[in-house]
Protein backbone atom coordinates (compact mmCIF):
# COMPACT_ATOMS: atom_id res chain seq x y z
CA UNK A 1 58.47 141.45 -149.76
CA UNK A 2 60.38 144.68 -150.26
CA UNK A 3 64.10 144.24 -150.54
CA UNK A 4 66.96 146.70 -150.62
CA UNK A 5 69.48 146.20 -153.40
CA UNK A 6 72.98 147.58 -152.91
CA UNK A 7 75.79 148.24 -155.31
CA UNK A 8 78.54 145.69 -155.10
CA UNK A 9 81.96 147.30 -154.80
CA UNK A 10 83.72 147.41 -158.13
CA UNK A 11 87.40 147.98 -158.54
CA UNK A 12 87.56 150.11 -161.65
CA UNK A 13 90.81 149.63 -163.47
CA UNK A 14 91.12 151.89 -166.48
CA UNK A 15 93.25 149.32 -168.29
CA UNK A 16 90.40 146.86 -168.27
CA UNK A 17 91.40 144.47 -171.00
CA UNK A 18 94.62 143.02 -169.61
CA UNK A 19 95.29 141.25 -172.91
CA UNK A 20 96.76 142.17 -176.28
CA UNK A 21 94.47 143.22 -179.08
CA UNK A 22 93.61 140.35 -181.36
CA UNK A 23 92.40 142.24 -184.41
CA UNK A 24 92.76 145.81 -185.57
CA UNK A 25 90.06 148.10 -184.18
CA UNK A 26 88.14 145.18 -182.69
CA UNK A 27 86.62 145.41 -179.20
CA UNK A 28 88.84 143.58 -176.74
CA UNK A 29 86.72 143.96 -173.63
CA UNK A 30 83.13 142.81 -173.26
CA UNK A 31 81.41 144.97 -170.65
CA UNK A 32 78.38 142.70 -170.79
CA UNK A 33 80.39 139.88 -169.26
CA UNK A 34 80.96 141.66 -165.95
CA UNK A 35 78.85 144.69 -165.10
CA UNK A 36 75.32 144.45 -163.74
CA UNK A 37 73.02 147.26 -162.59
CA UNK A 38 71.27 147.62 -159.26
CA UNK A 39 67.63 146.51 -159.64
CA UNK A 40 64.57 147.61 -157.66
CA UNK A 41 60.79 147.84 -158.03
CA UNK A 42 59.58 150.91 -156.13
CA UNK A 43 62.12 153.72 -156.43
CA UNK A 44 65.81 154.44 -156.74
CA UNK A 45 68.50 156.94 -155.75
CA UNK A 46 72.00 157.28 -157.21
CA UNK A 47 74.44 159.75 -155.70
CA UNK A 48 78.16 160.37 -155.22
CA UNK A 49 78.10 159.62 -151.46
CA UNK A 50 76.60 156.67 -149.63
CA UNK A 51 75.14 158.48 -146.60
CA UNK A 52 73.32 160.92 -148.87
CA UNK A 53 71.95 158.06 -150.96
CA UNK A 54 70.66 156.34 -147.82
CA UNK A 55 69.05 159.57 -146.63
CA UNK A 56 67.26 160.01 -149.95
CA UNK A 57 66.11 156.41 -150.09
CA UNK A 58 64.66 156.68 -146.58
CA UNK A 59 62.47 159.56 -147.77
CA UNK A 60 61.20 157.50 -150.72
CA UNK A 61 60.42 154.55 -148.46
CA UNK A 62 58.38 156.86 -146.21
CA UNK A 63 56.21 157.78 -149.19
CA UNK A 64 58.00 160.95 -150.23
CA UNK A 65 58.41 161.76 -153.89
CA UNK A 66 61.53 162.21 -156.01
CA UNK A 67 61.74 165.94 -155.26
CA UNK A 68 61.57 165.28 -151.51
CA UNK A 69 64.41 162.81 -151.81
CA UNK A 70 66.44 165.12 -154.07
CA UNK A 71 66.22 168.04 -151.65
CA UNK A 72 67.17 165.79 -148.74
CA UNK A 73 70.17 164.52 -150.70
CA UNK A 74 71.24 168.04 -151.63
CA UNK A 75 71.34 169.23 -148.03
CA UNK A 76 72.97 166.01 -146.83
CA UNK A 77 75.78 166.24 -149.38
CA UNK A 78 76.63 169.69 -148.00
CA UNK A 79 77.78 167.80 -144.91
CA UNK A 80 79.05 164.50 -146.25
CA UNK A 81 80.68 165.59 -149.54
CA UNK A 82 82.05 169.04 -148.67
CA UNK A 83 84.29 169.28 -151.73
CA UNK A 84 81.21 169.57 -153.99
CA UNK A 85 77.97 169.27 -152.01
CA UNK A 86 77.12 172.69 -150.67
CA UNK A 87 75.03 175.46 -149.21
CA UNK A 88 77.36 178.16 -150.56
CA UNK A 89 77.25 177.24 -154.24
CA UNK A 90 74.60 176.70 -156.88
CA UNK A 91 73.37 174.45 -159.62
CA UNK A 92 70.55 173.11 -161.76
CA UNK A 93 67.67 170.72 -161.14
CA UNK A 94 65.67 169.06 -163.89
CA UNK A 95 62.29 167.76 -162.66
CA UNK A 96 59.69 165.62 -164.40
CA UNK A 97 56.28 165.84 -162.73
CA UNK A 98 54.17 162.77 -163.47
CA UNK A 99 50.81 164.26 -162.46
CA UNK A 100 51.04 167.21 -164.85
CA UNK A 101 53.23 165.40 -167.39
CA UNK A 102 55.53 168.41 -167.37
CA UNK A 103 59.31 168.68 -167.24
CA UNK A 104 60.75 171.86 -165.74
CA UNK A 105 64.26 173.25 -165.35
CA UNK A 106 65.06 174.90 -162.01
CA UNK A 107 68.01 177.29 -162.32
CA UNK A 108 69.64 178.09 -159.00
CA UNK A 109 72.99 179.06 -160.47
CA UNK A 110 75.02 181.68 -158.62
CA UNK A 111 74.94 185.33 -159.74
CA UNK A 112 77.53 188.09 -159.93
CA UNK A 113 77.19 190.63 -157.11
CA UNK A 114 75.81 194.08 -157.89
CA UNK A 115 79.28 195.60 -157.52
CA UNK A 116 80.88 193.23 -160.06
CA UNK A 117 82.50 194.73 -163.16
CA UNK A 118 83.65 193.25 -166.45
CA UNK A 119 87.36 193.90 -165.78
CA UNK A 120 87.43 193.29 -162.02
CA UNK A 121 89.95 190.44 -162.26
CA UNK A 122 92.40 192.08 -164.66
CA UNK A 123 95.75 193.31 -163.36
CA UNK A 124 97.59 196.47 -164.45
CA UNK A 125 98.85 194.63 -167.54
CA UNK A 126 95.40 193.50 -168.59
CA UNK A 127 95.98 189.87 -167.58
CA UNK A 128 93.66 187.77 -165.43
CA UNK A 129 94.76 187.62 -161.78
CA UNK A 130 94.37 183.87 -161.23
CA UNK A 131 94.69 184.01 -157.44
CA UNK A 132 92.03 186.70 -157.16
CA UNK A 133 89.52 185.01 -159.46
CA UNK A 134 89.85 181.63 -157.75
CA UNK A 135 90.75 182.00 -154.09
CA UNK A 136 89.66 185.45 -152.90
CA UNK A 137 86.38 186.69 -151.46
CA UNK A 138 85.84 188.50 -154.77
CA UNK A 139 85.72 185.10 -156.50
CA UNK A 140 82.44 184.27 -154.75
CA UNK A 141 79.17 184.44 -156.65
CA UNK A 142 75.90 185.02 -154.78
CA UNK A 143 74.95 181.46 -153.68
CA UNK A 144 71.77 179.85 -154.98
CA UNK A 145 71.66 176.35 -153.48
CA UNK A 146 69.57 177.09 -150.37
CA UNK A 147 66.98 179.08 -152.32
CA UNK A 148 66.89 176.51 -155.12
CA UNK A 149 66.42 173.44 -152.95
CA UNK A 150 63.77 175.13 -150.83
CA UNK A 151 61.87 176.35 -153.90
CA UNK A 152 61.85 172.81 -155.30
CA UNK A 153 60.51 171.43 -152.02
CA UNK A 154 57.85 174.10 -151.59
CA UNK A 155 56.55 173.89 -155.17
CA UNK A 156 56.89 170.19 -155.94
CA UNK A 157 57.64 168.30 -152.73
CA UNK A 158 55.43 166.79 -150.03
CA UNK A 159 57.58 166.67 -146.88
CA UNK A 160 58.50 169.46 -144.49
CA UNK A 161 61.76 171.37 -144.73
CA UNK A 162 62.58 170.16 -141.24
CA UNK A 163 62.29 166.53 -142.40
CA UNK A 164 64.43 167.20 -145.46
CA UNK A 165 67.15 168.74 -143.30
CA UNK A 166 67.05 166.10 -140.56
CA UNK A 167 69.82 163.79 -141.89
CA UNK A 168 72.14 166.72 -142.67
CA UNK A 169 71.68 168.21 -139.19
CA UNK A 170 72.31 164.89 -137.46
CA UNK A 171 75.43 164.13 -139.50
CA UNK A 172 76.88 167.60 -138.96
CA UNK A 173 76.10 167.63 -135.24
CA UNK A 174 77.00 164.10 -134.17
CA UNK A 175 79.71 163.71 -136.76
CA UNK A 176 80.49 161.39 -139.64
CA UNK A 177 83.19 158.80 -140.04
CA UNK A 178 86.06 159.96 -142.23
CA UNK A 179 86.33 157.55 -145.15
CA UNK A 180 89.13 157.15 -147.67
CA UNK A 181 87.50 159.48 -150.18
CA UNK A 182 87.14 162.38 -147.73
CA UNK A 183 90.62 161.74 -146.34
CA UNK A 184 92.22 161.86 -149.78
CA UNK A 185 90.30 164.97 -150.81
CA UNK A 186 91.52 166.78 -147.70
CA UNK A 187 95.09 165.81 -148.53
CA UNK A 188 94.61 167.18 -152.04
CA UNK A 189 93.04 170.45 -150.86
CA UNK A 190 95.22 171.02 -147.79
CA UNK A 191 97.46 173.62 -149.42
CA UNK A 192 94.66 176.14 -149.95
CA UNK A 193 92.19 175.09 -147.24
CA UNK A 194 94.76 175.75 -144.52
CA UNK A 195 95.28 179.30 -145.79
CA UNK A 196 92.00 180.10 -144.05
CA UNK A 197 92.13 179.58 -140.26
CA UNK A 198 88.35 179.20 -140.19
CA UNK A 199 88.36 176.46 -142.83
CA UNK A 200 91.35 174.71 -141.34
CA UNK A 201 89.74 174.59 -137.90
CA UNK A 202 86.82 172.59 -139.33
CA UNK A 203 88.52 170.07 -141.59
CA UNK A 204 91.86 169.59 -139.80
CA UNK A 205 92.96 169.02 -136.22
CA UNK A 206 94.24 171.94 -134.10
CA UNK A 207 97.84 171.05 -134.95
CA UNK A 208 97.00 171.04 -138.67
CA UNK A 209 97.13 167.28 -139.05
CA UNK A 210 94.50 165.23 -140.87
CA UNK A 211 91.60 163.36 -139.37
CA UNK A 212 92.50 159.75 -139.99
CA UNK A 213 90.26 157.26 -141.75
CA UNK A 214 87.77 155.94 -139.20
CA UNK A 215 87.85 159.04 -136.99
CA UNK A 216 84.80 161.26 -136.52
CA UNK A 217 84.52 164.71 -138.10
CA UNK A 218 81.95 167.05 -136.55
CA UNK A 219 80.75 170.30 -138.14
CA UNK A 220 79.01 172.11 -135.29
CA UNK A 221 78.71 175.52 -136.94
CA UNK A 222 77.26 173.93 -140.07
CA UNK A 223 74.74 172.03 -137.92
CA UNK A 224 73.63 175.32 -136.37
CA UNK A 225 73.25 176.91 -139.81
CA UNK A 226 71.15 173.98 -140.97
CA UNK A 227 68.96 174.28 -137.86
CA UNK A 228 68.40 177.96 -138.61
CA UNK A 229 67.38 177.13 -142.18
CA UNK A 230 65.02 174.40 -140.90
CA UNK A 231 63.40 176.95 -138.58
CA UNK A 232 63.37 180.10 -140.71
CA UNK A 233 63.56 178.77 -144.27
CA UNK A 234 65.57 180.54 -146.93
CA UNK A 235 65.27 183.86 -145.09
CA UNK A 236 67.83 182.59 -142.58
CA UNK A 237 70.38 182.41 -145.38
CA UNK A 238 69.39 185.42 -147.48
CA UNK A 239 68.12 187.94 -144.90
CA UNK A 240 68.76 186.63 -141.40
CA UNK A 241 71.65 185.62 -139.18
CA UNK A 242 73.55 183.65 -141.83
CA UNK A 243 73.23 186.54 -144.29
CA UNK A 244 74.65 188.93 -141.68
CA UNK A 245 77.68 186.69 -141.18
CA UNK A 246 78.28 186.34 -144.92
CA UNK A 247 78.12 190.10 -145.41
CA UNK A 248 80.42 190.78 -142.44
CA UNK A 249 82.96 188.31 -143.81
CA UNK A 250 82.79 189.95 -147.23
CA UNK A 251 83.23 193.44 -145.80
CA UNK A 252 86.27 192.34 -143.79
CA UNK A 253 87.98 190.75 -146.81
CA UNK A 254 87.25 193.07 -149.77
CA UNK A 255 84.43 190.82 -150.95
CA UNK A 256 81.56 192.19 -152.99
CA UNK A 257 78.44 190.40 -151.73
CA UNK A 258 76.09 192.67 -149.78
CA UNK A 259 72.84 192.19 -147.90
CA UNK A 260 71.06 193.54 -150.96
CA UNK A 261 72.70 190.89 -153.18
CA UNK A 262 71.47 188.13 -150.92
CA UNK A 263 67.97 189.55 -150.44
CA UNK A 264 67.52 189.96 -154.22
CA UNK A 265 68.60 186.43 -155.15
CA UNK A 266 65.85 184.34 -156.76
CA UNK A 267 66.01 180.94 -158.50
CA UNK A 268 64.33 180.80 -161.92
CA UNK A 269 62.08 178.15 -163.42
CA UNK A 270 62.95 177.83 -167.10
CA UNK A 271 61.81 175.78 -170.06
CA UNK A 272 64.20 172.86 -170.53
CA UNK A 273 66.10 172.25 -173.74
CA UNK A 274 64.24 169.55 -175.65
CA UNK A 275 65.50 167.32 -178.42
CA UNK A 276 64.75 163.99 -180.02
CA UNK A 277 67.31 161.26 -180.61
CA UNK A 278 66.23 158.17 -182.51
CA UNK A 279 62.69 158.42 -181.14
CA UNK A 280 63.65 159.23 -177.53
CA UNK A 281 62.82 162.66 -176.10
CA UNK A 282 65.83 164.33 -174.46
CA UNK A 283 65.36 167.06 -171.84
CA UNK A 284 68.26 168.96 -170.37
CA UNK A 285 69.29 172.34 -168.95
CA UNK A 286 69.00 175.62 -170.87
CA UNK A 287 71.38 178.58 -170.48
CA UNK A 288 73.10 179.69 -168.36
CA UNK A 289 74.03 176.04 -168.65
CA UNK A 290 75.53 175.23 -172.02
CA UNK A 291 74.96 171.53 -171.34
CA UNK A 292 71.51 170.99 -172.78
CA UNK A 293 72.04 172.99 -175.96
CA UNK A 294 75.27 171.27 -176.91
CA UNK A 295 74.12 167.82 -175.82
CA UNK A 296 71.15 168.07 -178.19
CA UNK A 297 73.32 169.67 -180.87
CA UNK A 298 75.78 166.76 -180.79
CA UNK A 299 72.98 164.18 -180.80
CA UNK A 300 71.45 165.90 -183.84
CA UNK A 301 74.77 165.65 -185.67
CA UNK A 302 75.30 162.02 -184.69
CA UNK A 303 71.79 160.96 -185.67
CA UNK A 304 73.02 161.29 -189.26
CA UNK A 305 75.35 158.32 -188.77
CA UNK A 306 74.56 154.66 -188.13
CA UNK A 307 76.34 154.61 -184.80
CA UNK A 308 75.12 151.16 -183.79
CA UNK A 309 76.41 149.66 -187.04
CA UNK A 310 79.76 151.40 -186.73
CA UNK A 311 80.24 149.75 -183.32
CA UNK A 312 81.00 150.87 -179.80
CA UNK A 313 84.27 152.77 -179.34
CA UNK A 314 85.57 151.77 -182.74
CA UNK A 315 87.68 154.31 -184.61
CA UNK A 316 84.94 155.18 -187.12
CA UNK A 317 82.41 155.78 -184.32
CA UNK A 318 84.77 157.80 -182.17
CA UNK A 319 85.86 159.88 -185.14
CA UNK A 320 82.36 161.23 -185.88
CA UNK A 321 81.72 161.74 -182.15
CA UNK A 322 84.92 163.75 -181.80
CA UNK A 323 84.11 165.90 -184.81
CA UNK A 324 80.64 166.60 -183.40
CA UNK A 325 82.21 167.63 -180.11
CA UNK A 326 84.49 170.14 -181.85
CA UNK A 327 81.60 171.91 -183.57
CA UNK A 328 79.54 172.06 -180.38
CA UNK A 329 82.32 173.49 -178.20
CA UNK A 330 83.23 176.04 -180.85
CA UNK A 331 79.61 177.20 -180.81
CA UNK A 332 79.75 177.32 -177.03
CA UNK A 333 82.55 179.86 -177.30
CA UNK A 334 80.77 181.92 -179.92
CA UNK A 335 77.24 182.09 -178.62
CA UNK A 336 76.63 181.00 -175.04
CA UNK A 337 75.81 183.13 -172.01
CA UNK A 338 73.03 184.02 -169.60
CA UNK A 339 69.92 184.53 -171.76
CA UNK A 340 68.65 187.14 -169.30
CA UNK A 341 71.50 189.31 -170.61
CA UNK A 342 72.44 188.12 -174.12
CA UNK A 343 70.66 186.67 -177.12
CA UNK A 344 71.59 183.02 -177.64
CA UNK A 345 70.39 181.41 -180.90
CA UNK A 346 69.06 178.35 -179.07
CA UNK A 347 66.43 177.44 -181.66
CA UNK A 348 69.01 177.30 -184.44
CA UNK A 349 71.68 175.51 -182.39
CA UNK A 350 69.33 172.67 -181.40
CA UNK A 351 67.56 172.38 -184.75
CA UNK A 352 67.75 169.21 -186.79
CA UNK A 353 68.61 171.24 -189.89
CA UNK A 354 71.66 172.78 -188.21
CA UNK A 355 72.77 169.38 -186.94
CA UNK A 356 72.39 167.96 -190.43
CA UNK A 357 74.44 170.77 -191.93
CA UNK A 358 77.28 170.19 -189.45
CA UNK A 359 77.19 166.44 -190.10
CA UNK A 360 77.83 167.14 -193.79
CA UNK A 361 81.03 168.97 -192.85
CA UNK A 362 82.52 165.87 -191.22
CA UNK A 363 85.18 164.17 -193.33
CA UNK A 364 84.91 160.49 -192.45
CA UNK A 365 88.58 159.91 -193.22
CA UNK A 366 90.28 163.00 -191.79
CA UNK A 367 90.07 165.04 -188.59
CA UNK A 368 89.14 168.68 -189.00
CA UNK A 369 91.75 170.89 -187.28
CA UNK A 370 90.23 173.04 -184.54
CA UNK A 371 91.56 176.15 -186.27
CA UNK A 372 89.47 175.22 -189.30
CA UNK A 373 86.33 174.79 -187.20
CA UNK A 374 86.83 178.22 -185.63
CA UNK A 375 90.18 180.00 -185.40
CA UNK A 376 91.66 180.75 -182.01
CA UNK A 377 95.13 180.49 -180.49
CA UNK A 378 95.88 177.41 -178.43
CA UNK A 379 96.45 177.44 -174.70
CA UNK A 380 97.18 175.28 -171.68
CA UNK A 381 95.55 175.62 -168.25
CA UNK A 382 95.06 173.08 -165.49
CA UNK A 383 91.56 171.65 -165.12
CA UNK A 384 89.43 171.05 -162.04
CA UNK A 385 86.60 168.53 -162.09
CA UNK A 386 84.76 168.95 -158.79
CA UNK A 387 80.98 169.04 -159.03
CA UNK A 388 78.47 166.38 -158.02
CA UNK A 389 75.38 164.91 -159.65
CA UNK A 390 72.58 162.74 -158.33
CA UNK A 391 69.51 161.11 -159.86
CA UNK A 392 66.18 160.05 -158.32
CA UNK A 393 63.13 158.20 -159.65
CA UNK A 394 60.06 157.33 -157.58
CA UNK A 395 57.12 154.94 -157.82
CA UNK A 396 54.78 157.78 -158.83
CA UNK A 397 56.57 158.40 -162.13
CA UNK A 398 58.47 161.51 -161.01
CA UNK A 399 62.14 161.97 -161.81
CA UNK A 400 64.88 164.40 -160.75
CA UNK A 401 68.33 165.02 -162.18
CA UNK A 402 70.37 167.46 -160.10
CA UNK A 403 73.88 168.79 -160.61
CA UNK A 404 75.37 171.40 -158.28
CA UNK A 405 78.79 172.66 -157.33
CA UNK A 406 81.18 175.01 -155.56
CA UNK A 407 83.28 175.06 -158.76
CA UNK A 408 86.71 173.96 -157.48
CA UNK A 409 87.13 171.20 -154.92
CA UNK A 410 85.95 172.92 -151.73
CA UNK A 411 85.22 176.00 -153.84
CA UNK A 412 87.21 179.05 -152.84
CA UNK A 413 88.37 177.20 -149.72
CA UNK A 414 86.78 179.94 -147.61
CA UNK A 415 84.33 179.25 -144.80
CA UNK A 416 82.14 182.04 -143.45
CA UNK A 417 83.05 182.38 -139.74
CA UNK A 418 80.43 180.99 -137.41
CA UNK A 419 78.46 179.22 -140.16
CA UNK A 420 80.51 176.23 -141.33
CA UNK A 421 79.49 177.16 -144.90
CA UNK A 422 82.07 176.85 -147.68
CA UNK A 423 81.86 179.52 -150.35
CA UNK A 424 82.06 178.97 -154.10
CA UNK A 425 84.57 180.48 -156.53
CA UNK A 426 82.16 180.55 -159.46
CA UNK A 427 83.23 183.97 -160.73
CA UNK A 428 85.97 182.02 -162.53
CA UNK A 429 83.25 180.62 -164.81
CA UNK A 430 82.70 184.06 -166.30
CA UNK A 431 84.84 185.36 -169.13
CA UNK A 432 87.21 187.57 -167.16
CA UNK A 433 88.97 188.39 -170.43
CA UNK A 434 87.39 187.36 -173.75
CA UNK A 435 89.46 184.65 -175.40
CA UNK A 436 91.16 183.69 -172.14
CA UNK A 437 90.30 180.22 -170.77
CA UNK A 438 88.99 179.52 -167.31
CA UNK A 439 90.31 176.77 -165.03
CA UNK A 440 88.41 174.17 -167.04
CA UNK A 441 90.32 175.05 -170.23
CA UNK A 442 87.11 176.47 -171.64
CA UNK A 443 87.27 179.61 -173.70
CA UNK A 444 84.64 182.21 -173.02
CA UNK A 445 83.21 184.72 -175.46
CA UNK A 446 81.67 188.15 -175.09
CA UNK A 447 78.31 186.66 -174.12
CA UNK A 448 79.76 185.37 -170.86
CA UNK A 449 81.42 188.61 -169.70
CA UNK A 450 80.95 189.61 -166.07
CA UNK A 451 77.98 191.85 -165.34
CA UNK A 452 76.04 192.61 -162.13
CA UNK A 453 73.37 189.99 -161.32
CA UNK A 454 74.37 187.88 -164.31
CA UNK A 455 74.63 184.12 -164.02
CA UNK A 456 77.92 182.63 -165.16
CA UNK A 457 78.00 180.02 -167.92
CA UNK A 458 78.12 176.37 -166.87
CA UNK A 459 78.67 172.92 -168.40
CA UNK A 460 76.38 171.13 -165.95
CA UNK A 461 74.06 168.77 -167.83
CA UNK A 462 71.39 167.11 -165.67
CA UNK A 463 69.34 165.16 -168.18
CA UNK A 464 66.11 163.16 -168.41
CA UNK A 465 65.48 160.98 -171.46
CA UNK A 466 61.85 160.02 -172.09
CA UNK A 467 60.54 156.94 -173.85
CA UNK A 468 56.96 157.09 -175.05
CA UNK A 469 56.37 160.16 -172.92
CA UNK A 470 57.60 158.71 -169.63
CA UNK A 471 60.96 159.08 -167.84
CA UNK A 472 63.28 156.33 -169.03
CA UNK A 473 66.82 157.51 -168.23
CA UNK A 474 67.96 160.01 -165.61
CA UNK A 475 71.64 160.89 -165.72
CA UNK A 476 74.34 163.51 -165.32
CA UNK A 477 77.92 163.92 -164.16
CA UNK A 478 80.56 166.18 -162.68
CA UNK A 479 83.73 166.80 -164.67
CA UNK A 480 84.09 170.46 -165.64
CA UNK A 481 84.31 170.78 -169.40
CA UNK A 482 83.86 167.01 -169.78
CA UNK A 483 80.37 166.92 -168.28
CA UNK A 484 78.58 167.38 -171.60
CA UNK A 485 80.55 164.73 -173.48
CA UNK A 486 80.32 162.28 -170.57
CA UNK A 487 76.53 162.63 -170.55
CA UNK A 488 76.48 162.25 -174.34
CA UNK A 489 78.31 158.93 -174.13
CA UNK A 490 75.95 157.51 -171.48
CA UNK A 491 72.99 158.28 -173.77
CA UNK A 492 74.68 156.80 -176.84
CA UNK A 493 75.76 153.70 -174.94
CA UNK A 494 72.23 152.82 -173.87
CA UNK A 495 70.38 153.89 -177.03
CA UNK A 496 72.81 153.09 -179.84
CA UNK A 497 74.78 150.25 -178.30
CA UNK A 498 71.97 148.69 -176.21
CA UNK A 499 74.10 148.51 -173.08
CA UNK A 500 72.54 148.14 -169.66
CA UNK A 501 73.17 151.15 -167.44
CA UNK A 502 76.10 149.55 -165.61
CA UNK A 503 77.81 148.64 -168.88
CA UNK A 504 77.17 152.13 -170.20
CA UNK A 505 78.65 153.63 -167.05
CA UNK A 506 81.81 151.55 -167.08
CA UNK A 507 82.64 151.95 -170.77
CA UNK A 508 85.76 153.95 -171.67
CA UNK A 509 85.21 157.65 -172.44
CA UNK A 510 86.73 160.22 -174.76
CA UNK A 511 86.55 164.01 -174.84
CA UNK A 512 87.31 166.85 -177.23
CA UNK A 513 86.37 170.48 -176.58
CA UNK A 514 87.58 172.23 -179.75
CA UNK A 515 90.54 173.91 -178.03
CA UNK A 516 93.09 172.74 -177.16
CA UNK A 517 93.07 170.53 -180.26
CA UNK A 518 93.61 167.37 -178.24
CA UNK A 519 91.60 164.19 -177.97
CA UNK A 520 91.45 163.06 -174.34
CA UNK A 521 91.02 159.32 -173.88
CA UNK A 522 90.77 157.18 -170.78
CA UNK A 523 93.59 154.69 -170.47
CA UNK A 524 92.75 151.20 -171.66
CA UNK A 525 91.03 152.09 -174.91
CA UNK A 526 92.06 149.68 -177.68
CA UNK A 527 95.57 150.60 -178.83
CA UNK A 528 94.83 149.73 -182.45
CA UNK A 529 91.80 152.00 -182.35
CA UNK A 530 93.97 154.84 -181.11
CA UNK A 531 96.43 154.25 -183.95
CA UNK A 532 93.58 154.47 -186.45
CA UNK A 533 92.41 157.73 -184.89
CA UNK A 534 95.93 159.11 -185.06
CA UNK A 535 95.99 158.10 -188.71
CA UNK A 536 92.94 160.29 -189.25
CA UNK A 537 94.84 163.23 -187.77
CA UNK A 538 93.65 163.23 -184.16
CA UNK A 539 96.26 164.27 -181.60
CA UNK A 540 95.74 161.98 -178.63
CA UNK A 541 96.49 162.71 -174.99
CA UNK A 542 95.95 160.14 -172.24
CA UNK A 543 93.65 161.22 -169.44
CA UNK A 544 92.59 160.29 -165.96
CA UNK A 545 89.09 158.91 -165.47
CA UNK A 546 86.38 161.21 -166.82
CA UNK A 547 83.26 162.07 -164.87
CA UNK A 548 81.28 160.29 -162.20
CA UNK A 549 77.85 159.53 -163.59
CA UNK A 550 74.89 158.61 -161.39
CA UNK A 551 72.21 157.08 -163.58
CA UNK A 552 68.85 155.32 -163.40
CA UNK A 553 66.76 153.63 -166.10
CA UNK A 554 63.11 152.62 -165.70
CA UNK A 555 62.06 149.79 -167.98
CA UNK A 556 59.75 146.77 -167.78
CA UNK A 557 58.34 148.02 -164.47
CA UNK A 558 61.75 147.95 -162.81
CA UNK A 559 64.44 150.46 -161.92
CA UNK A 560 68.00 149.77 -163.04
CA UNK A 561 70.75 151.98 -161.63
CA UNK A 562 74.49 152.41 -161.53
CA UNK A 563 76.96 154.62 -159.72
CA UNK A 564 80.19 155.36 -161.49
CA UNK A 565 83.16 153.49 -159.95
CA UNK A 566 85.60 156.11 -161.25
CA UNK A 567 85.29 157.88 -157.90
CA UNK A 568 84.98 156.10 -154.55
CA UNK A 569 82.06 156.46 -152.19
CA UNK A 570 79.21 156.58 -154.70
CA UNK A 571 76.16 154.41 -154.08
CA UNK A 572 72.96 153.47 -155.88
CA UNK A 573 70.10 152.06 -153.78
CA UNK A 574 66.57 150.98 -154.62
CA UNK A 575 63.75 149.26 -152.79
């Protein structure tokens, strides 16, 4: 008999140990004692929001494949997780097709409008205008989500677009119950969402007050937009009524997107980045995502060390991981950009020989200062972490890893009048001024300068790990600059440390991105371990929870999944 397995609610406390360390640098918390994955036999979905997970699982149970479920989830999240799910943003989908034994990378990242210029966000003093690049209509890149999801469905799916959109339309039209996660996100974003009367009228009551937990939020205009897309396909968004409304809104607010920009937008199918880590094949996203290149680069470095023998989250293990992160993020600054516009030395960056050469530069007893890796002045900028990832595996052997975003929480905070569609602020992911960081503290080089129709650099890292030629692990995360290192640690936890996927998900995380020269650590990591890292020269800064991974493993004819408890509302379901 088929059974549905649900995730039990976990209260994730970052200070997990609750006891004093017994021995220097010894593990003081055994993840294996507590955390168990969701288990199923026929298929599995893991996403950041429970209604979207249920919508995707329903498609699988009807006989749909992983792509069908992924597209359904993507449209549903545009309604149920408005801070990151979207129609007005973009992203990346990694797809493994069982029948052809092929893995493809679908790039539906946003593009700069035709009227964009390299210095468009610089003020009279040559400094980046932060308000303009983040919260104005000029901050909006040409959206790719609608075109990307529909392309995936048409090329690799089996259900109709109308069926894929059904849950999203119903939830937007009849309304959804405001839960604690949505309520808190609307408190957080209130300051800039209420600057736009159109946005405020959707997400807040007429008097400006919040919808309380348990009340119903309806998105009538969004429901109508979704119905148009169900009827007319992507043309509704890129050439029809929705396009007209986007263009009119841009024209009225000094925005750059024109009807030509929308009509010219096309997603691109690319070859994924491919690597090998201890006998497992790793597939991830190529540029304009930096995620796949630097994930494989770090794995190549770390393969030179006996990570399993060094031990999980011990100072010696973390030290070599941190050093690998520094080299990868320095290379990100130097080399990365949209390969349709700039030459990126991908082959060299992901080669085993290059990884080996970087491994030899790691001093096992002393941290390498970031200035010695690659000189650049330090800086401080606040970081945003709003993106969302979901993973799907089906009974046919197909797998999908999808990460997409509006950039900031609720993107630019701007809704196109009459559509209910939130717009991204992805232009901030370009290098507005070489050497100046974006809102994710990431430095950008010349290769990521703004140019018309160029795709901005990203850290999104949807990833599929293969074992003996078949999908074994599907994973990914939100988290801005921390996406790549979060994904790295999931892979290391399951391969090197033999954790089940729930243990791997719940384990403490660290992050270093070359500049600023700071090691970010989640609270609760062994204090003695931190002292040892400081003794090696690492400057440590405590951090909030990192990432929100949604992961599935297929092994021994069963699916094992886990949603990250670092953010509320996530759900993994199988059947």
